């Protein structure tokens, strides 16, 4: 290989190492510790979601189940922004 080809390869390797070092350093805070993302917060437990699961497991029988019909009515009212307490 010619000297100029080796010099170009060395320059490319040097730039790649410099970029990698800069990215690693950018991911650290003031104290030099790696910055960690905030922990994920578990969503609130929604009883309506559990009822939907139960209806899903029932399959076609859910179409005639009064509890599932009530769950779907509640979901529809939430979606449409209706007040189910009777104070429309």
Protein backbone atom coordinates (compact mmCIF):
# COMPACT_ATOMS: atom_id res chain seq x y z
CA UNK A 1 0.00 0.00 0.00
CA UNK A 2 1.06 3.49 -0.60
CA UNK A 3 1.80 5.87 2.21
CA UNK A 4 -1.07 8.20 1.30
CA UNK A 5 -3.62 5.36 1.50
CA UNK A 6 -2.33 4.37 4.93
CA UNK A 7 -2.47 8.01 6.05
CA UNK A 8 -6.10 8.27 4.91
CA UNK A 9 -7.05 5.07 6.71
CA UNK A 10 -5.33 6.29 9.87
CA UNK A 11 -7.16 9.64 9.64
CA UNK A 12 -10.53 7.92 9.21
CA UNK A 13 -9.86 5.66 12.22
CA UNK A 14 -8.77 8.67 14.30
CA UNK A 15 -11.94 10.61 13.39
CA UNK A 16 -14.14 7.60 14.19
CA UNK A 17 -12.51 7.21 17.61
CA UNK A 18 -12.85 10.94 18.30
CA UNK A 19 -16.57 10.90 17.40
CA UNK A 20 -17.16 7.83 19.59
CA UNK A 21 -15.36 9.44 22.53
CA UNK A 22 -17.38 12.65 22.10
CA UNK A 23 -20.66 10.73 22.08
CA UNK A 24 -19.71 8.77 25.19
CA UNK A 25 -18.70 11.95 27.01
CA UNK A 26 -21.90 13.69 25.97
CA UNK A 27 -23.88 10.93 27.69
CA UNK A 28 -22.38 11.75 31.09
CA UNK A 29 -23.51 14.29 33.67
CA UNK A 30 -21.39 16.82 35.58
CA UNK A 31 -20.06 14.26 38.06
CA UNK A 32 -18.87 11.96 35.29
CA UNK A 33 -21.55 9.36 35.90
CA UNK A 34 -23.50 7.90 33.02
CA UNK A 35 -26.86 9.60 32.65
CA UNK A 36 -29.67 7.12 33.15
CA UNK A 37 -33.17 7.63 31.82
CA UNK A 38 -35.94 8.17 34.33
CA UNK A 39 -37.68 4.96 35.38
CA UNK A 40 -40.96 4.24 33.70
CA UNK A 41 -44.01 4.89 35.82
CA UNK A 42 -46.59 2.14 35.84
CA UNK A 43 -49.96 3.40 34.61
CA UNK A 44 -52.88 3.49 36.99
CA UNK A 45 -54.93 0.33 37.18
CA UNK A 46 -58.15 0.80 35.23
CA UNK A 47 -60.95 -1.58 36.24
CA UNK A 48 -62.62 -0.97 32.90
CA UNK A 49 -59.56 -2.40 31.14
CA UNK A 50 -59.80 -5.60 33.20
CA UNK A 51 -63.47 -5.89 32.32
CA UNK A 52 -62.61 -5.48 28.63
CA UNK A 53 -60.10 -8.33 28.97
CA UNK A 54 -62.75 -10.57 30.49
CA UNK A 55 -65.16 -9.78 27.67
CA UNK A 56 -62.44 -10.44 25.12
CA UNK A 57 -61.85 -13.87 26.63
CA UNK A 58 -65.57 -14.67 26.41
CA UNK A 59 -65.46 -14.32 22.65
CA UNK A 60 -68.85 -14.36 20.90
CA UNK A 61 -70.66 -15.02 24.17
CA UNK A 62 -69.74 -11.48 25.26
CA UNK A 63 -72.29 -10.09 22.80
CA UNK A 64 -75.10 -11.38 25.01
CA UNK A 65 -73.40 -10.93 28.40
CA UNK A 66 -75.03 -8.06 30.37
CA UNK A 67 -71.76 -7.17 32.13
CA UNK A 68 -69.93 -6.83 28.81
CA UNK A 69 -72.75 -4.75 27.36
CA UNK A 70 -72.45 -2.42 30.37
CA UNK A 71 -68.67 -2.22 29.93
CA UNK A 72 -69.03 -1.30 26.27
CA UNK A 73 -71.67 1.30 27.12
CA UNK A 74 -69.31 2.84 29.68
CA UNK A 75 -66.46 2.88 27.16
CA UNK A 76 -68.69 4.48 24.53
CA UNK A 77 -69.83 7.16 27.00
CA UNK A 78 -66.24 7.91 28.03
CA UNK A 79 -65.24 8.24 24.39
CA UNK A 80 -68.16 10.54 23.58
CA UNK A 81 -67.67 12.56 26.76
CA UNK A 82 -71.08 11.75 28.20
CA UNK A 83 -71.77 12.01 31.92
CA UNK A 84 -73.01 8.64 33.24
CA UNK A 85 -73.99 10.04 36.64
CA UNK A 86 -77.24 11.36 35.21
CA UNK A 87 -76.26 15.02 35.22
CA UNK A 88 -76.11 15.55 31.48
